[in-house]
Amino acid sequence: MRAAVFHGPGDVRVEEVPKPELTAPTDALVRVTHTAICGSDLWFYHGDSDREAGSRVGHEPMGIVEAVGDDVRRVEPGDRVFAPFVISCGECEFCRTGLHTSCVNGDSWNGDNGGAQGEYVRAPHADGTLVRVPDRYAEDEDALESLLPLTDVMGTGHHAAVSAGVEPGSTCVVVGDGAVGLCGVLAARRLGARRIVAVGHHEDRLDLADEFGATDTVLGGGETDEVEAVREVTGGGADHVLECVGAASSMETAVGVCRPGGTVGYVGVPHGVDAAGLDLFDFFVDNITLRGGVAPVRAYAEELMDDVLGGTLDPAPIFTKTVDLDGVPEGYQAMSDREALKVLVKP
C-alpha cells in the first residue's frame, strides 16, 4: 500500500510500504477513506521533537472495515468507522474510568499498524477502539467530514473545556487559535458558557472563532498585552481557562487571565514547559487549579457524534484545505506556512 513516511524535518514522502495484516483475533483491518494532518505533526516536521526517520505518520483515521479477527464483535466488514488518535482496549481499569489514553494495552497507529496517513490501518483491540458510524450516515460526505475531527481535535478541545470546569452560564477564555483552540470554543458553547473569549495571533482564525460562538476575541502579537486585554474584556479574568497550545508563553497567558480560585484546563502538547520553564508560583498564590493532559477522546466519541449527527455541532470548518494522498507533503507545507488551519486528506 501507499502511506506517508517521515524522513526528517521538512521531509514527508508518500511511498510504497507493507500493508498491515490481521495478527490477533481482536484486530480489524480498515481501508482509510478520510484522515487529516494534525498540528501536533508539525512538531516533528519542524524538528522540534524526535521521530525516527522512515516511520509512518498520521493518527486520525476514518474508513471502511475490510476484515476482522474471530473475536471482534462490535464491527464487521463494510462498517464505516472512525477511531481516536490512541488505540485502547476498552476493558482495562483506566478505559473503564474513561481514561483511554492510559490504557494498559494501548498502542499507536504507526509502525506495523500502518500509519493513519495511508491507505490502510490495522486496529488492534478493534472493539475498544473503533467507533461505528450509523449506516444512514455512512456515505454522507458532509456528516463524515464533520465527524472526522472527533478522532482528535474536537475531543481534545472538549477535554480542555471539561477540565476547565466550563458549565452553563460561565465565562471562559480559550488560549490558542489552532484547530484545538477553535474546537475548544465549540465545546465551551456546547457546555453552555455565557461568555467565551478567544485569544490568538491570526485574524482569520479568530473570525472563525467568532462563527463558532466566541463572544469576544483578542488578537495578540505585536504590542498587544494579551493578559491585560483579556482582563479588560472580562473585568478581571475568567474562572475557566482552556490552554490549547502547549507553549510556555501560552501557559503564562492562561494563568495570567485566570481568576483566583479558577481552573486552567490544559491540552496543548507541552513544548518548553518544564520544571524550569513554568513558574508554579502564580498557580500557588492564587489557588489556581491545573487540570487536563492528553485527551481521552474515545470517552467523548459517542456523545459528540450524537450532536454532530443531530446538527448541533459542526467542527468541519476547521478543514481549510483538502488533498489526496499524494498531496500530503503539500499539506504539511501548507500548515507549516500557516496557509492552512488543518488539512483534510482523502486517500
C-alpha atoms as a PDB file:
ATOM      1  CA  MET A   1       0.000   0.000   0.000  1.00  0.00           C
ATOM      2  CA  ARG A   2       0.973   3.664  -0.081  1.00  0.00           C
ATOM      3  CA  ALA A   3       1.477   5.769   3.028  1.00  0.00           C
ATOM      4  CA  ALA A   4       3.139   8.969   4.233  1.00  0.00           C
ATOM      5  CA  VAL A   5       6.610   8.402   5.683  1.00  0.00           C
ATOM      6  CA  PHE A   6       8.748  10.808   7.720  1.00  0.00           C
ATOM      7  CA  HIS A   7      12.359  11.106   6.552  1.00  0.00           C
ATOM      8  CA  GLY A   8      13.477  14.158   8.501  1.00  0.00           C
ATOM      9  CA  PRO A   9      12.462  17.733   9.279  1.00  0.00           C
ATOM     10  CA  GLY A  10      10.519  19.160   6.343  1.00  0.00           C
ATOM     11  CA  ASP A  11      10.630  15.824   4.519  1.00  0.00           C
ATOM     12  CA  VAL A  12       7.458  13.723   4.400  1.00  0.00           C
ATOM     13  CA  ARG A  13       7.068  11.437   1.379  1.00  0.00           C
ATOM     14  CA  VAL A  14       4.350   9.111   0.116  1.00  0.00           C
ATOM     15  CA  GLU A  15       5.857   5.689  -0.503  1.00  0.00           C
ATOM     16  CA  GLU A  16       5.060   2.026  -1.022  1.00  0.00           C
ATOM     17  CA  VAL A  17       5.095   0.213   2.332  1.00  0.00           C
ATOM     18  CA  PRO A  18       3.911  -3.202   3.549  1.00  0.00           C
ATOM     19  CA  LYS A  19       0.144  -3.368   4.002  1.00  0.00           C
ATOM     20  CA  PRO A  20      -0.845  -4.231   7.583  1.00  0.00           C
ATOM     21  CA  GLU A  21      -2.438  -7.609   8.213  1.00  0.00           C
ATOM     22  CA  LEU A  22      -4.555  -9.122  10.969  1.00  0.00           C
ATOM     23  CA  THR A  23      -2.271 -10.664  13.565  1.00  0.00           C
ATOM     24  CA  ALA A  24      -4.638 -11.213  16.503  1.00  0.00           C
ATOM     25  CA  PRO A  25      -8.288 -12.280  16.826  1.00  0.00           C
ATOM     26  CA  THR A  26      -9.127  -8.828  18.253  1.00  0.00           C
ATOM     27  CA  ASP A  27      -7.779  -6.936  15.197  1.00  0.00           C
ATOM     28  CA  ALA A  28      -9.638  -5.225  12.379  1.00  0.00           C
ATOM     29  CA  LEU A  29      -8.298  -4.028   9.033  1.00  0.00           C
ATOM     30  CA  VAL A  30      -9.641  -0.635   7.945  1.00  0.00           C
ATOM     31  CA  ARG A  31      -9.368   0.950   4.499  1.00  0.00           C
ATOM     32  CA  VAL A  32      -8.791   4.632   5.181  1.00  0.00           C
ATOM     33  CA  THR A  33     -11.122   6.996   3.314  1.00  0.00           C
ATOM     34  CA  HIS A  34     -10.556  10.152   5.380  1.00  0.00           C
ATOM     35  CA  THR A  35      -7.753  11.307   7.618  1.00  0.00           C
ATOM     36  CA  ALA A  36      -6.003  14.553   8.487  1.00  0.00           C
ATOM     37  CA  ILE A  37      -2.750  16.305   9.258  1.00  0.00           C
ATOM     38  CA  CYS A  38      -2.597  17.422  12.878  1.00  0.00           C
ATOM     39  CA  GLY A  39      -0.972  20.485  14.351  1.00  0.00           C
ATOM     40  CA  SER A  40       0.994  18.144  16.606  1.00  0.00           C
ATOM     41  CA  ASP A  41       2.505  16.583  13.465  1.00  0.00           C
ATOM     42  CA  LEU A  42       4.299  19.866  12.891  1.00  0.00           C
ATOM     43  CA  TRP A  43       6.468  19.303  15.951  1.00  0.00           C
ATOM     44  CA  PHE A  44       8.416  16.521  14.239  1.00  0.00           C
ATOM     45  CA  TYR A  45       8.035  18.175  10.831  1.00  0.00           C
ATOM     46  CA  HIS A  46       9.828  21.234  12.194  1.00  0.00           C
ATOM     47  CA  GLY A  47      12.412  19.146  14.020  1.00  0.00           C
ATOM     48  CA  ASP A  48      11.152  20.286  17.423  1.00  0.00           C
ATOM     49  CA  SER A  49      10.550  16.720  18.613  1.00  0.00           C
ATOM     50  CA  ASP A  50      12.345  13.465  17.931  1.00  0.00           C
ATOM     51  CA  ARG A  51      10.986  10.948  15.462  1.00  0.00           C
ATOM     52  CA  GLU A  52      12.636   8.025  13.763  1.00  0.00           C
ATOM     53  CA  ALA A  53      13.405   8.557  10.077  1.00  0.00           C
ATOM     54  CA  GLY A  54      11.476   6.079   7.961  1.00  0.00           C
ATOM     55  CA  SER A  55       8.481   5.953  10.319  1.00  0.00           C
ATOM     56  CA  ARG A  56       4.913   6.184   9.054  1.00  0.00           C
ATOM     57  CA  VAL A  57       2.794   9.074  10.251  1.00  0.00           C
ATOM     58  CA  GLY A  58      -0.803  10.009  10.955  1.00  0.00           C
ATOM     59  CA  HIS A  59      -3.199   9.304  13.806  1.00  0.00           C
ATOM     60  CA  GLU A  60      -6.728  10.375  12.753  1.00  0.00           C
ATOM     61  CA  PRO A  61      -8.262   7.514  10.728  1.00  0.00           C
ATOM     62  CA  MET A  62     -11.754   7.080   9.312  1.00  0.00           C
ATOM     63  CA  GLY A  63     -12.662   4.381   6.845  1.00  0.00           C
ATOM     64  CA  ILE A  64     -14.383   1.115   5.961  1.00  0.00           C
ATOM     65  CA  VAL A  65     -13.780  -2.128   7.834  1.00  0.00           C
ATOM     66  CA  GLU A  66     -12.452  -4.730   5.391  1.00  0.00           C
ATOM     67  CA  ALA A  67     -11.694  -7.662   7.685  1.00  0.00           C
ATOM     68  CA  VAL A  68     -11.996  -8.586  11.365  1.00  0.00           C
ATOM     69  CA  GLY A  69     -10.483 -11.168  13.657  1.00  0.00           C
ATOM     70  CA  ASP A  70     -12.553 -14.000  15.100  1.00  0.00           C
ATOM     71  CA  ASP A  71     -13.079 -12.265  18.460  1.00  0.00           C
ATOM     72  CA  VAL A  72     -14.307  -8.910  17.125  1.00  0.00           C
ATOM     73  CA  ARG A  73     -17.980  -8.356  17.957  1.00  0.00           C
ATOM     74  CA  ARG A  74     -18.824  -4.652  17.622  1.00  0.00           C
ATOM     75  CA  VAL A  75     -17.889  -4.037  13.989  1.00  0.00           C
ATOM     76  CA  GLU A  76     -17.932  -6.119  10.833  1.00  0.00           C
ATOM     77  CA  PRO A  77     -16.719  -5.808   7.240  1.00  0.00           C
ATOM     78  CA  GLY A  78     -18.475  -2.983   5.425  1.00  0.00           C
ATOM     79  CA  ASP A  79     -18.995  -0.802   8.502  1.00  0.00           C
ATOM     80  CA  ARG A  80     -17.995   2.848   8.382  1.00  0.00           C
ATOM     81  CA  VAL A  81     -15.837   3.662  11.406  1.00  0.00           C
ATOM     82  CA  PHE A  82     -13.559   6.320  12.846  1.00  0.00           C
ATOM     83  CA  ALA A  83     -11.002   5.988  15.597  1.00  0.00           C
ATOM     84  CA  PRO A  84      -9.279   8.130  18.226  1.00  0.00           C
ATOM     85  CA  PHE A  85      -5.625   9.021  17.915  1.00  0.00           C
ATOM     86  CA  VAL A  86      -4.740   6.384  20.536  1.00  0.00           C
ATOM     87  CA  ILE A  87      -5.652   2.709  20.394  1.00  0.00           C
ATOM     88  CA  SER A  88      -7.301   1.398  23.573  1.00  0.00           C
ATOM     89  CA  CYS A  89      -8.781  -1.907  24.697  1.00  0.00           C
ATOM     90  CA  GLY A  90     -11.923  -0.547  26.353  1.00  0.00           C
ATOM     91  CA  GLU A  91     -11.679  -3.097  29.164  1.00  0.00           C
ATOM     92  CA  CYS A  92      -8.755  -2.263  31.483  1.00  0.00           C
ATOM     93  CA  GLU A  93      -9.125  -0.266  34.702  1.00  0.00           C
ATOM     94  CA  PHE A  94      -8.271   3.023  33.001  1.00  0.00           C
ATOM     95  CA  CYS A  95     -10.538   2.540  29.979  1.00  0.00           C
ATOM     96  CA  ARG A  96     -13.410   1.693  32.322  1.00  0.00           C
ATOM     97  CA  THR A  97     -12.958   5.044  34.080  1.00  0.00           C
ATOM     98  CA  GLY A  98     -12.776   6.997  30.812  1.00  0.00           C
ATOM     99  CA  LEU A  99      -9.007   7.446  30.718  1.00  0.00           C
ATOM    100  CA  HIS A 100      -8.413   5.580  27.461  1.00  0.00           C
ATOM    101  CA  THR A 101      -5.109   7.337  26.819  1.00  0.00           C
ATOM    102  CA  SER A 102      -3.648   5.476  29.814  1.00  0.00           C
ATOM    103  CA  CYS A 103      -4.864   2.077  28.573  1.00  0.00           C
ATOM    104  CA  VAL A 104      -2.513  -0.673  29.737  1.00  0.00           C
ATOM    105  CA  ASN A 105      -2.907  -2.281  26.307  1.00  0.00           C
ATOM    106  CA  GLY A 106      -2.652   0.975  24.374  1.00  0.00           C
ATOM    107  CA  ASP A 107      -0.917   1.394  21.035  1.00  0.00           C
ATOM    108  CA  SER A 108      -0.361   3.948  18.275  1.00  0.00           C
ATOM    109  CA  TRP A 109      -1.341   3.919  14.611  1.00  0.00           C
ATOM    110  CA  ASN A 110       2.251   3.958  13.425  1.00  0.00           C
ATOM    111  CA  GLY A 111       4.686   1.137  12.747  1.00  0.00           C
ATOM    112  CA  ASP A 112       3.139  -2.168  11.792  1.00  0.00           C
ATOM    113  CA  ASN A 113      -0.346  -0.714  12.331  1.00  0.00           C
ATOM    114  CA  GLY A 114       0.113   1.238   9.114  1.00  0.00           C
ATOM    115  CA  GLY A 115       0.189   4.949   9.883  1.00  0.00           C
ATOM    116  CA  ALA A 116      -3.170   6.717   9.523  1.00  0.00           C
ATOM    117  CA  GLN A 117      -1.958   8.939   6.654  1.00  0.00           C
ATOM    118  CA  GLY A 118      -2.045   5.940   4.387  1.00  0.00           C
ATOM    119  CA  GLU A 119      -4.388   3.570   2.605  1.00  0.00           C
ATOM    120  CA  TYR A 120      -4.907   1.015   5.398  1.00  0.00           C
ATOM    121  CA  VAL A 121      -4.543   0.669   9.149  1.00  0.00           C
ATOM    122  CA  ARG A 122      -4.758  -2.288  11.452  1.00  0.00           C
ATOM    123  CA  ALA A 123      -6.821  -1.577  14.554  1.00  0.00           C
ATOM    124  CA  PRO A 124      -5.690  -3.737  17.465  1.00  0.00           C
ATOM    125  CA  HIS A 125      -8.443  -4.013  20.084  1.00  0.00           C
ATOM    126  CA  ALA A 126     -10.996  -3.117  17.447  1.00  0.00           C
ATOM    127  CA  ASP A 127     -13.962  -3.442  19.806  1.00  0.00           C
ATOM    128  CA  GLY A 128     -12.451  -0.962  22.235  1.00  0.00           C
ATOM    129  CA  THR A 129     -11.086   1.487  19.702  1.00  0.00           C
ATOM    130  CA  LEU A 130     -13.298   1.772  16.624  1.00  0.00           C
ATOM    131  CA  VAL A 131     -16.439   3.923  16.661  1.00  0.00           C
ATOM    132  CA  ARG A 132     -19.129   2.775  14.245  1.00  0.00           C
ATOM    133  CA  VAL A 133     -20.939   5.445  12.211  1.00  0.00           C
ATOM    134  CA  PRO A 134     -24.675   4.734  11.856  1.00  0.00           C
ATOM    135  CA  ASP A 135     -25.496   3.262   8.443  1.00  0.00           C
ATOM    136  CA  ARG A 136     -27.713   6.168   7.389  1.00  0.00           C
ATOM    137  CA  TYR A 137     -24.671   8.488   7.554  1.00  0.00           C
ATOM    138  CA  ALA A 138     -22.081   6.046   6.241  1.00  0.00           C
ATOM    139  CA  GLU A 139     -21.966   7.692   2.786  1.00  0.00           C
ATOM    140  CA  ASP A 140     -22.991  11.212   3.810  1.00  0.00           C
ATOM    141  CA  GLU A 141     -19.862  13.189   2.947  1.00  0.00           C
ATOM    142  CA  ASP A 142     -20.877  16.274   4.905  1.00  0.00           C
ATOM    143  CA  ALA A 143     -21.541  14.203   8.014  1.00  0.00           C
ATOM    144  CA  LEU A 144     -18.282  12.289   7.636  1.00  0.00           C
ATOM    145  CA  GLU A 145     -16.195  15.461   7.370  1.00  0.00           C
ATOM    146  CA  SER A 146     -17.926  16.797  10.477  1.00  0.00           C
ATOM    147  CA  LEU A 147     -17.239  13.549  12.347  1.00  0.00           C
ATOM    148  CA  LEU A 148     -13.570  13.303  11.395  1.00  0.00           C
ATOM    149  CA  PRO A 149     -12.421  15.922  13.970  1.00  0.00           C
ATOM    150  CA  LEU A 150     -13.754  13.615  16.687  1.00  0.00           C
ATOM    151  CA  THR A 151     -10.672  11.463  16.081  1.00  0.00           C
ATOM    152  CA  ASP A 152      -8.602  14.135  17.799  1.00  0.00           C
ATOM    153  CA  VAL A 153      -9.089  17.905  17.828  1.00  0.00           C
ATOM    154  CA  MET A 154     -12.797  18.122  18.681  1.00  0.00           C
ATOM    155  CA  GLY A 155     -12.435  15.625  21.502  1.00  0.00           C
ATOM    156  CA  THR A 156      -9.290  17.410  22.652  1.00  0.00           C
ATOM    157  CA  GLY A 157     -10.970  20.821  22.693  1.00  0.00           C
ATOM    158  CA  HIS A 158     -13.853  19.247  24.592  1.00  0.00           C
ATOM    159  CA  HIS A 159     -11.424  17.778  27.133  1.00  0.00           C
ATOM    160  CA  ALA A 160      -9.970  21.249  27.687  1.00  0.00           C
ATOM    161  CA  ALA A 161     -13.430  22.644  28.371  1.00  0.00           C
ATOM    162  CA  VAL A 162     -14.389  19.776  30.671  1.00  0.00           C
ATOM    163  CA  SER A 163     -11.066  20.001  32.535  1.00  0.00           C
ATOM    164  CA  ALA A 164     -11.524  23.750  32.980  1.00  0.00           C
ATOM    165  CA  GLY A 165     -14.939  23.149  34.519  1.00  0.00           C
ATOM    166  CA  VAL A 166     -16.946  25.077  31.918  1.00  0.00           C
ATOM    167  CA  GLU A 167     -20.634  24.995  32.832  1.00  0.00           C
ATOM    168  CA  PRO A 168     -23.866  26.742  31.824  1.00  0.00           C
ATOM    169  CA  GLY A 169     -23.680  30.488  32.360  1.00  0.00           C
ATOM    170  CA  SER A 170     -19.927  30.583  32.921  1.00  0.00           C
ATOM    171  CA  THR A 171     -17.273  32.866  31.472  1.00  0.00           C
ATOM    172  CA  CYS A 172     -14.231  31.204  29.906  1.00  0.00           C
ATOM    173  CA  VAL A 173     -11.113  32.101  27.953  1.00  0.00           C
ATOM    174  CA  VAL A 174      -9.687  29.936  25.168  1.00  0.00           C
ATOM    175  CA  VAL A 175      -5.948  30.449  24.636  1.00  0.00           C
ATOM    176  CA  GLY A 176      -4.910  29.377  21.136  1.00  0.00           C
ATOM    177  CA  ASP A 177      -6.491  29.741  17.697  1.00  0.00           C
ATOM    178  CA  GLY A 178      -5.359  26.454  16.155  1.00  0.00           C
ATOM    179  CA  ALA A 179      -7.774  23.625  15.405  1.00  0.00           C
ATOM    180  CA  VAL A 180      -7.857  22.516  19.057  1.00  0.00           C
ATOM    181  CA  GLY A 181      -8.498  26.023  20.339  1.00  0.00           C
ATOM    182  CA  LEU A 182     -11.290  26.593  17.852  1.00  0.00           C
ATOM    183  CA  CYS A 183     -12.829  23.265  18.841  1.00  0.00           C
ATOM    184  CA  GLY A 184     -12.475  24.427  22.435  1.00  0.00           C
ATOM    185  CA  VAL A 185     -14.705  27.366  21.541  1.00  0.00           C
ATOM    186  CA  LEU A 186     -17.264  24.944  20.103  1.00  0.00           C
ATOM    187  CA  ALA A 187     -17.021  22.795  23.212  1.00  0.00           C
ATOM    188  CA  ALA A 188     -17.459  25.736  25.573  1.00  0.00           C
ATOM    189  CA  ARG A 189     -20.531  26.851  23.667  1.00  0.00           C
ATOM    190  CA  ARG A 190     -21.868  23.287  23.743  1.00  0.00           C
ATOM    191  CA  LEU A 191     -21.420  23.179  27.532  1.00  0.00           C
ATOM    192  CA  GLY A 192     -23.409  26.378  27.923  1.00  0.00           C
ATOM    193  CA  ALA A 193     -20.797  29.070  28.546  1.00  0.00           C
ATOM    194  CA  ARG A 194     -22.358  32.524  28.518  1.00  0.00           C
ATOM    195  CA  ARG A 195     -19.180  34.337  27.547  1.00  0.00           C
ATOM    196  CA  ILE A 196     -16.286  32.893  25.543  1.00  0.00           C
ATOM    197  CA  VAL A 197     -13.139  34.943  24.903  1.00  0.00           C
ATOM    198  CA  ALA A 198     -10.856  33.525  22.194  1.00  0.00           C
ATOM    199  CA  VAL A 199      -7.202  34.575  22.197  1.00  0.00           C
ATOM    200  CA  GLY A 200      -4.962  34.065  19.165  1.00  0.00           C
ATOM    201  CA  HIS A 201      -2.475  35.527  16.716  1.00  0.00           C
ATOM    202  CA  HIS A 202      -4.343  35.110  13.395  1.00  0.00           C
ATOM    203  CA  GLU A 203      -7.217  37.370  12.477  1.00  0.00           C
ATOM    204  CA  ASP A 204      -8.810  34.903  10.057  1.00  0.00           C
ATOM    205  CA  ARG A 205      -8.819  32.168  12.691  1.00  0.00           C
ATOM    206  CA  LEU A 206     -10.372  34.488  15.249  1.00  0.00           C
ATOM    207  CA  ASP A 207     -13.055  35.240  12.672  1.00  0.00           C
ATOM    208  CA  LEU A 208     -13.800  31.510  12.660  1.00  0.00           C
ATOM    209  CA  ALA A 209     -13.808  31.513  16.463  1.00  0.00           C
ATOM    210  CA  ASP A 210     -16.475  34.200  16.252  1.00  0.00           C
ATOM    211  CA  GLU A 211     -18.521  31.974  13.923  1.00  0.00           C
ATOM    212  CA  PHE A 212     -18.073  29.084  16.342  1.00  0.00           C
ATOM    213  CA  GLY A 213     -19.548  31.042  19.229  1.00  0.00           C
ATOM    214  CA  ALA A 214     -16.863  33.262  20.761  1.00  0.00           C
ATOM    215  CA  THR A 215     -18.438  36.374  22.227  1.00  0.00           C
ATOM    216  CA  ASP A 216     -15.123  38.260  22.273  1.00  0.00           C
ATOM    217  CA  THR A 217     -11.768  37.855  20.541  1.00  0.00           C
ATOM    218  CA  VAL A 218      -8.309  39.150  21.429  1.00  0.00           C
ATOM    219  CA  LEU A 219      -5.703  39.409  18.682  1.00  0.00           C
ATOM    220  CA  GLY A 220      -2.287  39.039  20.264  1.00  0.00           C
ATOM    221  CA  GLY A 221       1.181  39.666  18.937  1.00  0.00           C
ATOM    222  CA  GLY A 222       2.977  42.916  18.299  1.00  0.00           C
ATOM    223  CA  GLU A 223       2.462  45.427  21.075  1.00  0.00           C
ATOM    224  CA  THR A 224      -0.697  43.790  22.438  1.00  0.00           C
ATOM    225  CA  ASP A 225      -0.584  42.665  26.058  1.00  0.00           C
ATOM    226  CA  GLU A 226      -2.883  39.658  25.780  1.00  0.00           C
ATOM    227  CA  VAL A 227      -3.359  39.239  29.520  1.00  0.00           C
ATOM    228  CA  GLU A 228      -4.238  42.877  30.050  1.00  0.00           C
ATOM    229  CA  ALA A 229      -6.600  42.856  27.055  1.00  0.00           C
ATOM    230  CA  VAL A 230      -8.458  39.769  28.325  1.00  0.00           C
ATOM    231  CA  ARG A 231      -8.665  41.164  31.837  1.00  0.00           C
ATOM    232  CA  GLU A 232     -10.165  44.355  30.469  1.00  0.00           C
ATOM    233  CA  VAL A 233     -12.725  42.489  28.369  1.00  0.00           C
ATOM    234  CA  THR A 234     -13.755  40.191  31.219  1.00  0.00           C
ATOM    235  CA  GLY A 235     -13.489  42.595  34.122  1.00  0.00           C
ATOM    236  CA  GLY A 236     -10.607  40.782  35.774  1.00  0.00           C
ATOM    237  CA  GLY A 237     -10.273  37.422  34.051  1.00  0.00           C
ATOM    238  CA  ALA A 238     -12.236  34.175  33.978  1.00  0.00           C
ATOM    239  CA  ASP A 239     -12.798  31.231  36.295  1.00  0.00           C
ATOM    240  CA  HIS A 240     -12.392  28.767  33.417  1.00  0.00           C
ATOM    241  CA  VAL A 241      -9.422  28.903  31.028  1.00  0.00           C
ATOM    242  CA  LEU A 242      -8.662  26.493  28.163  1.00  0.00           C
ATOM    243  CA  GLU A 243      -4.962  26.245  27.278  1.00  0.00           C
ATOM    244  CA  CYS A 244      -4.815  24.772  23.773  1.00  0.00           C
ATOM    245  CA  VAL A 245      -1.250  25.426  22.573  1.00  0.00           C
ATOM    246  CA  GLY A 246       1.312  23.800  24.857  1.00  0.00           C
ATOM    247  CA  ALA A 247       3.979  26.514  24.810  1.00  0.00           C
ATOM    248  CA  ALA A 248       5.370  28.146  27.937  1.00  0.00           C
ATOM    249  CA  SER A 249       4.089  31.514  26.723  1.00  0.00           C
ATOM    250  CA  SER A 250       0.526  30.237  26.269  1.00  0.00           C
ATOM    251  CA  MET A 251       0.539  28.683  29.731  1.00  0.00           C
ATOM    252  CA  GLU A 252       1.721  32.009  31.145  1.00  0.00           C
ATOM    253  CA  THR A 253      -1.163  33.714  29.354  1.00  0.00           C
ATOM    254  CA  ALA A 254      -3.590  31.115  30.689  1.00  0.00           C
ATOM    255  CA  VAL A 255      -2.609  31.578  34.326  1.00  0.00           C
ATOM    256  CA  GLY A 256      -2.459  35.337  33.802  1.00  0.00           C
ATOM    257  CA  VAL A 257      -6.112  35.517  32.739  1.00  0.00           C
ATOM    258  CA  CYS A 258      -7.409  33.000  35.290  1.00  0.00           C
ATOM    259  CA  ARG A 259      -9.170  34.472  38.314  1.00  0.00           C
ATOM    260  CA  PRO A 260      -8.090  33.419  41.806  1.00  0.00           C
ATOM    261  CA  GLY A 261      -9.671  30.072  42.628  1.00  0.00           C
ATOM    262  CA  GLY A 262     -10.211  29.312  38.947  1.00  0.00           C
ATOM    263  CA  THR A 263      -9.128  26.370  36.797  1.00  0.00           C
ATOM    264  CA  VAL A 264      -6.876  26.055  33.757  1.00  0.00           C
ATOM    265  CA  GLY A 265      -7.771  23.081  31.569  1.00  0.00           C
ATOM    266  CA  TYR A 266      -4.680  22.271  29.515  1.00  0.00           C
ATOM    267  CA  VAL A 267      -4.473  20.014  26.471  1.00  0.00           C
ATOM    268  CA  GLY A 268      -1.691  21.572  24.390  1.00  0.00           C
ATOM    269  CA  VAL A 269       1.198  19.121  23.959  1.00  0.00           C
ATOM    270  CA  PRO A 270       3.849  20.669  26.254  1.00  0.00           C
ATOM    271  CA  HIS A 271       6.868  22.148  24.496  1.00  0.00           C
ATOM    272  CA  GLY A 272       9.169  24.387  26.505  1.00  0.00           C
ATOM    273  CA  VAL A 273       7.022  23.841  29.580  1.00  0.00           C
ATOM    274  CA  ASP A 274       9.180  22.045  32.135  1.00  0.00           C
ATOM    275  CA  ALA A 275      10.356  22.487  35.709  1.00  0.00           C
ATOM    276  CA  ALA A 276      12.476  25.424  34.647  1.00  0.00           C
ATOM    277  CA  GLY A 277      10.056  26.890  32.126  1.00  0.00           C
ATOM    278  CA  LEU A 278       6.808  27.036  34.095  1.00  0.00           C
ATOM    279  CA  ASP A 279       6.543  29.216  37.181  1.00  0.00           C
ATOM    280  CA  LEU A 280       4.124  27.450  39.536  1.00  0.00           C
ATOM    281  CA  PHE A 281       4.187  30.365  41.962  1.00  0.00           C
ATOM    282  CA  ASP A 282       1.341  32.120  40.127  1.00  0.00           C
ATOM    283  CA  PHE A 283      -0.776  28.984  40.432  1.00  0.00           C
ATOM    284  CA  PHE A 284       0.136  28.723  44.094  1.00  0.00           C
ATOM    285  CA  VAL A 285      -0.578  32.258  45.269  1.00  0.00           C
ATOM    286  CA  ASP A 286      -3.989  32.468  43.548  1.00  0.00           C
ATOM    287  CA  ASN A 287      -5.114  28.913  44.299  1.00  0.00           C
ATOM    288  CA  ILE A 288      -5.453  28.167  40.589  1.00  0.00           C
ATOM    289  CA  THR A 289      -6.124  24.548  39.683  1.00  0.00           C
ATOM    290  CA  LEU A 290      -4.345  22.963  36.717  1.00  0.00           C
ATOM    291  CA  ARG A 291      -6.229  20.033  35.171  1.00  0.00           C
ATOM    292  CA  GLY A 292      -6.042  18.176  31.897  1.00  0.00           C
ATOM    293  CA  GLY A 293      -3.476  16.356  29.820  1.00  0.00           C
ATOM    294  CA  VAL A 294      -3.630  14.140  26.777  1.00  0.00           C
ATOM    295  CA  ALA A 295      -7.307  13.940  25.853  1.00  0.00           C
ATOM    296  CA  PRO A 296      -9.109  10.587  26.164  1.00  0.00           C
ATOM    297  CA  VAL A 297     -11.178  11.346  23.076  1.00  0.00           C
ATOM    298  CA  ARG A 298     -12.611   7.818  22.944  1.00  0.00           C
ATOM    299  CA  ALA A 299     -14.526   8.615  26.130  1.00  0.00           C
ATOM    300  CA  TYR A 300     -16.293  11.515  24.407  1.00  0.00           C
ATOM    301  CA  ALA A 301     -16.828   9.986  20.964  1.00  0.00           C
ATOM    302  CA  GLU A 302     -20.431   8.827  21.212  1.00  0.00           C
ATOM    303  CA  GLU A 303     -21.831  11.930  22.892  1.00  0.00           C
ATOM    304  CA  LEU A 304     -20.100  14.245  20.438  1.00  0.00           C
ATOM    305  CA  MET A 305     -21.162  12.084  17.490  1.00  0.00           C
ATOM    306  CA  ASP A 306     -24.777  12.351  18.622  1.00  0.00           C
ATOM    307  CA  ASP A 307     -24.553  16.144  18.494  1.00  0.00           C
ATOM    308  CA  VAL A 308     -22.780  16.168  15.129  1.00  0.00           C
ATOM    309  CA  LEU A 309     -25.379  13.901  13.562  1.00  0.00           C
ATOM    310  CA  GLY A 310     -28.136  15.842  15.320  1.00  0.00           C
ATOM    311  CA  GLY A 311     -26.959  19.045  13.655  1.00  0.00           C
ATOM    312  CA  THR A 312     -25.983  20.978  16.788  1.00  0.00           C
ATOM    313  CA  LEU A 313     -22.195  20.587  16.475  1.00  0.00           C
ATOM    314  CA  ASP A 314     -20.113  21.046  13.332  1.00  0.00           C
ATOM    315  CA  PRO A 315     -16.316  21.311  13.554  1.00  0.00           C
ATOM    316  CA  ALA A 316     -15.829  20.699   9.800  1.00  0.00           C
ATOM    317  CA  PRO A 317     -14.919  24.352   9.042  1.00  0.00           C
ATOM    318  CA  ILE A 318     -11.520  23.772  10.674  1.00  0.00           C
ATOM    319  CA  PHE A 319     -10.562  21.976   7.448  1.00  0.00           C
ATOM    320  CA  THR A 320      -9.376  24.750   5.154  1.00  0.00           C
ATOM    321  CA  LYS A 321      -7.523  22.596   2.627  1.00  0.00           C
ATOM    322  CA  THR A 322      -8.216  19.142   1.159  1.00  0.00           C
ATOM    323  CA  VAL A 323      -5.649  16.905  -0.539  1.00  0.00           C
ATOM    324  CA  ASP A 324      -5.392  13.339  -1.767  1.00  0.00           C
ATOM    325  CA  LEU A 325      -2.684  11.003  -0.518  1.00  0.00           C
ATOM    326  CA  ASP A 326      -0.141  12.347  -2.999  1.00  0.00           C
ATOM    327  CA  GLY A 327      -0.856  15.828  -1.649  1.00  0.00           C
ATOM    328  CA  VAL A 328       0.143  15.023   1.937  1.00  0.00           C
ATOM    329  CA  PRO A 329       3.627  16.614   1.622  1.00  0.00           C
ATOM    330  CA  GLU A 330       1.970  19.726   0.208  1.00  0.00           C
ATOM    331  CA  GLY A 331      -0.476  19.653   3.125  1.00  0.00           C
ATOM    332  CA  TYR A 332       2.338  19.593   5.671  1.00  0.00           C
ATOM    333  CA  GLN A 333       3.991  22.554   3.992  1.00  0.00           C
ATOM    334  CA  ALA A 334       0.720  24.493   3.848  1.00  0.00           C
ATOM    335  CA  MET A 335       0.176  24.024   7.579  1.00  0.00           C
ATOM    336  CA  SER A 336       3.804  24.848   8.323  1.00  0.00           C
ATOM    337  CA  ASP A 337       3.473  28.080   6.336  1.00  0.00           C
ATOM    338  CA  ARG A 338       0.167  28.897   8.117  1.00  0.00           C
ATOM    339  CA  GLU A 339      -1.592  28.784   4.759  1.00  0.00           C
ATOM    340  CA  ALA A 340      -3.953  26.101   6.083  1.00  0.00           C
ATOM    341  CA  LEU A 341      -5.509  25.683   9.509  1.00  0.00           C
ATOM    342  CA  LYS A 342      -5.978  21.910   9.250  1.00  0.00           C
ATOM    343  CA  VAL A 343      -5.663  19.690   6.188  1.00  0.00           C
ATOM    344  CA  LEU A 344      -8.211  17.021   5.305  1.00  0.00           C
ATOM    345  CA  VAL A 345      -6.741  14.020   3.483  1.00  0.00           C
ATOM    346  CA  LYS A 346      -8.814  11.698   1.291  1.00  0.00           C
ATOM    347  CA  PRO A 347      -6.639   8.733   0.312  1.00  0.00           C
END
